[in-house]
């Protein structure tokens, strides 16, 4: 939602304010109607230049409204007006807590590009984005490894990458080794720090809230560990890279 008048030339520098509001779950339609009404009311007020609304994404229930006035005096008159107070009173049942108001005049956040990229920035900061990218990478790897591009995909991961000074201090490993021995080490280090933070000051401080994640972690470790010997116990038919097929699985292959 964005409104811009024909001209924004007034005395004094323009003022831009960012207002963040957390909406009660399920009250988004009512808040959208309220937002449209207060924006229309503000557009009739002297000095109003426009608004831009950054709507919430999954995992982040906050609305961000960027309001621009021609001068600080215009903004103050709008804030002190009875009309604005009446609209804010109507929103009390729709939002959680008090709105966070920040003056972003003259900062990078005021620029059109920063406002346009704000939804992407909010998405990247959510846990949903990490999970989505991980699943996307997994699916892409499975498709490439089982497609006519499999040979090229394999050669790509065998490409050598060297770091250091040639002939003196140099480490040369394939991309696969850099990911397995380097990036994965960094990943688990960061994951460990995040788990420690959650246990000390986060949601996992409470044993009741920590019970489900702990059970999931134990299940994710124990189930594969128990499944492997269960599948590979017994049987006499050898196969590459493992022990013989058990009788139950051997019968499925007709041997």
Protein backbone atom coordinates (compact mmCIF):
# COMPACT_ATOMS: atom_id res chain seq x y z
CA UNK A 1 0.00 0.00 0.00
CA UNK A 2 1.58 3.25 -1.07
CA UNK A 3 0.26 6.74 -1.61
CA UNK A 4 2.16 9.68 -3.01
CA UNK A 5 0.78 13.19 -3.55
CA UNK A 6 1.43 15.25 -6.62
CA UNK A 7 4.15 17.30 -4.95
CA UNK A 8 6.23 17.00 -1.80
CA UNK A 9 7.88 20.42 -1.89
CA UNK A 10 7.40 22.12 1.48
CA UNK A 11 9.53 24.12 3.88
CA UNK A 12 11.95 22.03 5.90
CA UNK A 13 13.36 18.53 5.36
CA UNK A 14 11.01 15.59 4.95
CA UNK A 15 10.64 13.22 7.90
CA UNK A 16 10.34 9.43 7.62
CA UNK A 17 9.16 7.27 10.51
CA UNK A 18 9.04 3.47 10.73
CA UNK A 19 6.25 1.97 12.86
CA UNK A 20 6.31 -1.74 13.71
CA UNK A 21 3.20 -3.46 15.07
CA UNK A 22 2.64 -7.07 16.12
CA UNK A 23 -0.89 -8.18 15.26
CA UNK A 24 -2.86 -10.76 17.24
CA UNK A 25 -3.08 -14.07 15.31
CA UNK A 26 -6.28 -14.21 13.27
CA UNK A 27 -6.87 -10.46 13.43
CA UNK A 28 -4.96 -9.65 10.24
CA UNK A 29 -8.08 -8.90 8.10
CA UNK A 30 -9.40 -6.46 10.71
CA UNK A 31 -5.97 -4.84 10.98
CA UNK A 32 -5.74 -4.50 7.19
CA UNK A 33 -9.09 -2.65 7.22
CA UNK A 34 -7.88 -0.44 10.07
CA UNK A 35 -4.64 0.25 8.21
CA UNK A 36 -6.50 1.30 5.07
CA UNK A 37 -8.71 3.64 7.11
CA UNK A 38 -5.93 5.39 9.01
CA UNK A 39 -3.86 5.74 5.83
CA UNK A 40 -6.77 7.43 4.09
CA UNK A 41 -7.25 9.73 7.09
CA UNK A 42 -3.55 10.64 7.16
CA UNK A 43 -3.52 11.30 3.41
CA UNK A 44 -5.94 14.18 3.95
CA UNK A 45 -3.70 15.70 6.59
CA UNK A 46 -1.41 18.67 5.63
CA UNK A 47 2.15 17.63 4.85
CA UNK A 48 1.46 13.94 4.31
CA UNK A 49 3.72 12.52 1.58
CA UNK A 50 2.98 8.79 1.56
CA UNK A 51 3.18 5.42 3.27
CA UNK A 52 4.67 2.04 2.48
CA UNK A 53 3.51 -1.13 4.24
CA UNK A 54 5.76 -4.15 4.68
CA UNK A 55 3.42 -7.02 5.47
CA UNK A 56 4.36 -10.00 7.64
CA UNK A 57 5.70 -13.25 6.29
CA UNK A 58 5.44 -16.72 7.73
CA UNK A 59 7.09 -16.88 11.14
CA UNK A 60 7.06 -13.09 11.62
CA UNK A 61 3.68 -11.57 12.63
CA UNK A 62 4.88 -7.95 12.51
CA UNK A 63 3.61 -5.23 10.20
CA UNK A 64 6.00 -2.43 9.36
CA UNK A 65 4.51 0.88 8.21
CA UNK A 66 6.82 3.61 6.88
CA UNK A 67 5.20 7.06 7.01
CA UNK A 68 6.62 10.18 5.39
CA UNK A 69 5.72 13.81 6.10
CA UNK A 70 7.03 16.97 4.47
CA UNK A 71 8.33 18.39 7.75
CA UNK A 72 8.66 17.40 11.39
CA UNK A 73 6.06 19.99 12.36
CA UNK A 74 3.53 18.29 10.06
CA UNK A 75 4.28 14.93 11.68
CA UNK A 76 3.85 16.40 15.17
CA UNK A 77 0.50 17.95 14.26
CA UNK A 78 -0.70 14.60 12.92
CA UNK A 79 0.47 12.80 16.07
CA UNK A 80 -1.30 15.35 18.30
CA UNK A 81 -4.54 15.28 16.31
CA UNK A 82 -7.76 13.86 17.73
CA UNK A 83 -8.34 11.89 14.52
CA UNK A 84 -5.07 10.03 14.91
CA UNK A 85 -5.82 9.28 18.60
CA UNK A 86 -9.24 7.91 17.65
CA UNK A 87 -7.75 5.58 15.05
CA UNK A 88 -5.06 4.35 17.46
CA UNK A 89 -7.70 3.62 20.09
CA UNK A 90 -9.47 1.34 17.58
CA UNK A 91 -6.29 -0.67 17.04
CA UNK A 92 -5.71 -1.57 20.69
CA UNK A 93 -7.74 -4.78 20.39
CA UNK A 94 -5.86 -5.80 17.25
CA UNK A 95 -2.21 -5.52 18.28
CA UNK A 96 0.05 -6.98 20.94
CA UNK A 97 1.82 -4.40 23.08
CA UNK A 98 2.83 -0.90 22.09
CA UNK A 99 4.07 -0.11 18.56
CA UNK A 100 7.80 0.39 18.03
CA UNK A 101 8.40 3.80 16.43
CA UNK A 102 11.76 4.69 14.88
CA UNK A 103 12.84 7.85 13.07
CA UNK A 104 14.70 6.64 9.96
CA UNK A 105 15.09 10.04 8.29
CA UNK A 106 18.36 10.20 6.36
CA UNK A 107 19.23 6.54 6.93
CA UNK A 108 19.62 3.73 4.40
CA UNK A 109 16.30 2.27 5.58
CA UNK A 110 14.54 5.29 4.11
CA UNK A 111 15.63 4.50 0.57
CA UNK A 112 13.18 2.88 -1.83
CA UNK A 113 15.48 -0.09 -2.52
CA UNK A 114 15.86 -0.89 1.19
CA UNK A 115 12.08 -0.74 1.67
CA UNK A 116 11.51 -2.93 -1.39
CA UNK A 117 13.98 -5.53 -0.06
CA UNK A 118 12.60 -5.43 3.48
CA UNK A 119 10.30 -8.49 3.00
CA UNK A 120 13.27 -10.50 1.68
CA UNK A 121 15.40 -9.37 4.62
CA UNK A 122 12.69 -10.42 7.08
CA UNK A 123 12.36 -13.79 5.36
CA UNK A 124 16.10 -14.49 5.56
CA UNK A 125 16.05 -13.79 9.29
CA UNK A 126 13.42 -16.44 9.98
CA UNK A 127 14.08 -20.10 10.67
CA UNK A 128 11.66 -20.96 7.88
CA UNK A 129 14.09 -19.55 5.31
CA UNK A 130 16.92 -21.81 6.48
CA UNK A 131 14.71 -24.89 6.41
CA UNK A 132 13.37 -23.98 2.96
CA UNK A 133 16.84 -23.44 1.49
CA UNK A 134 18.06 -26.70 3.04
CA UNK A 135 15.16 -28.66 1.54
CA UNK A 136 15.64 -26.93 -1.82
CA UNK A 137 19.33 -27.83 -1.86
CA UNK A 138 18.56 -31.44 -0.93
CA UNK A 139 15.99 -31.81 -3.70
CA UNK A 140 18.32 -30.18 -6.24
CA UNK A 141 21.18 -32.53 -5.27
CA UNK A 142 18.95 -35.61 -5.58
CA UNK A 143 17.67 -34.53 -8.99
CA UNK A 144 21.15 -33.77 -10.35
CA UNK A 145 22.67 -36.99 -8.96
CA UNK A 146 19.98 -39.08 -10.68
CA UNK A 147 19.80 -37.22 -13.99
CA UNK A 148 21.85 -37.26 -17.20
CA UNK A 149 23.91 -34.49 -15.57
CA UNK A 150 25.17 -36.86 -12.86
CA UNK A 151 28.69 -37.18 -14.31
CA UNK A 152 29.13 -33.43 -14.54
CA UNK A 153 27.71 -33.03 -11.05
CA UNK A 154 30.25 -35.55 -9.71
CA UNK A 155 33.13 -33.84 -11.53
CA UNK A 156 32.08 -30.52 -10.04
CA UNK A 157 32.45 -31.84 -6.49
CA UNK A 158 35.84 -33.35 -7.35
CA UNK A 159 37.16 -29.94 -8.44
CA UNK A 160 40.21 -29.04 -6.37
CA UNK A 161 40.35 -25.78 -4.45
CA UNK A 162 43.68 -24.59 -3.03
CA UNK A 163 44.18 -22.08 -0.24
CA UNK A 164 47.56 -20.71 0.83
CA UNK A 165 50.88 -19.82 -0.77
CA UNK A 166 51.94 -22.13 -3.60
CA UNK A 167 54.87 -24.32 -2.62
CA UNK A 168 55.02 -23.07 0.97
CA UNK A 169 51.77 -23.24 2.91
CA UNK A 170 49.01 -24.68 0.81
CA UNK A 171 45.97 -26.88 1.32
CA UNK A 172 44.48 -28.52 -1.76
CA UNK A 173 41.27 -30.48 -1.39
CA UNK A 174 38.23 -31.22 -3.49
CA UNK A 175 35.08 -29.18 -3.01
CA UNK A 176 33.50 -32.22 -1.38
CA UNK A 177 36.24 -32.29 1.28
CA UNK A 178 36.01 -28.54 1.87
CA UNK A 179 32.29 -28.91 2.56
CA UNK A 180 32.59 -32.11 4.63
CA UNK A 181 35.64 -31.12 6.71
CA UNK A 182 35.33 -27.33 6.66
CA UNK A 183 31.84 -25.93 6.24
CA UNK A 184 30.16 -28.77 8.14
CA UNK A 185 32.55 -28.21 11.07
CA UNK A 186 31.61 -24.53 11.08
CA UNK A 187 27.92 -25.42 10.81
CA UNK A 188 27.96 -27.71 13.85
CA UNK A 189 30.04 -25.19 15.80
CA UNK A 190 27.43 -22.48 15.16
CA UNK A 191 24.60 -24.93 15.89
CA UNK A 192 26.26 -25.80 19.20
CA UNK A 193 26.55 -22.14 20.15
CA UNK A 194 22.90 -21.60 19.25
CA UNK A 195 21.81 -24.58 21.37
CA UNK A 196 23.89 -23.27 24.28
CA UNK A 197 22.27 -19.85 24.00
CA UNK A 198 18.79 -21.38 23.94
CA UNK A 199 19.58 -23.50 27.01
CA UNK A 200 20.96 -20.54 28.97
CA UNK A 201 18.72 -17.62 28.01
CA UNK A 202 16.28 -18.93 25.37
CA UNK A 203 13.12 -21.00 25.22
CA UNK A 204 14.91 -24.22 26.19
CA UNK A 205 15.56 -22.93 29.71
CA UNK A 206 12.26 -24.52 30.70
CA UNK A 207 12.44 -28.35 30.98
CA UNK A 208 8.84 -28.59 29.77
CA UNK A 209 9.58 -26.64 26.57
CA UNK A 210 12.90 -28.43 26.07
CA UNK A 211 11.34 -31.93 26.36
CA UNK A 212 10.06 -32.12 22.77
CA UNK A 213 13.29 -30.90 21.04
CA UNK A 214 15.35 -33.25 23.23
CA UNK A 215 13.09 -36.19 22.39
CA UNK A 216 13.30 -35.33 18.67
CA UNK A 217 17.11 -35.14 18.85
CA UNK A 218 17.34 -38.51 20.60
CA UNK A 219 14.93 -40.06 18.13
CA UNK A 220 16.89 -38.68 15.18
CA UNK A 221 20.07 -40.24 16.57
CA UNK A 222 18.78 -43.56 17.89
CA UNK A 223 16.32 -44.56 15.16
CA UNK A 224 18.92 -44.59 12.30
CA UNK A 225 21.47 -46.26 14.60
CA UNK A 226 19.00 -49.04 15.44
CA UNK A 227 17.61 -49.33 11.91
CA UNK A 228 20.99 -50.12 10.35
CA UNK A 229 21.80 -53.24 12.43
CA UNK A 230 18.15 -54.33 12.25
CA UNK A 231 18.31 -54.34 8.44
CA UNK A 232 21.77 -55.91 8.25
CA UNK A 233 21.44 -58.63 10.88
CA UNK A 234 21.44 -62.20 9.55
CA UNK A 235 21.19 -63.36 5.95
CA UNK A 236 23.76 -64.97 3.63
CA UNK A 237 23.49 -63.03 0.35
CA UNK A 238 26.50 -60.67 0.12
CA UNK A 239 26.22 -57.22 -1.37
CA UNK A 240 28.66 -54.41 -2.04
CA UNK A 241 29.42 -52.03 0.82
CA UNK A 242 27.55 -53.92 3.56
CA UNK A 243 26.68 -57.19 5.21
CA UNK A 244 24.37 -59.80 3.60
CA UNK A 245 20.72 -59.04 3.01
CA UNK A 246 18.48 -60.36 5.81
CA UNK A 247 16.00 -63.06 4.75
CA UNK A 248 13.03 -60.68 4.82
CA UNK A 249 14.65 -58.26 2.37
CA UNK A 250 16.24 -61.06 0.33
CA UNK A 251 12.80 -62.46 -0.45
CA UNK A 252 11.71 -59.10 -1.85
CA UNK A 253 14.40 -59.32 -4.52
CA UNK A 254 13.53 -62.91 -5.41
CA UNK A 255 16.83 -64.41 -4.20
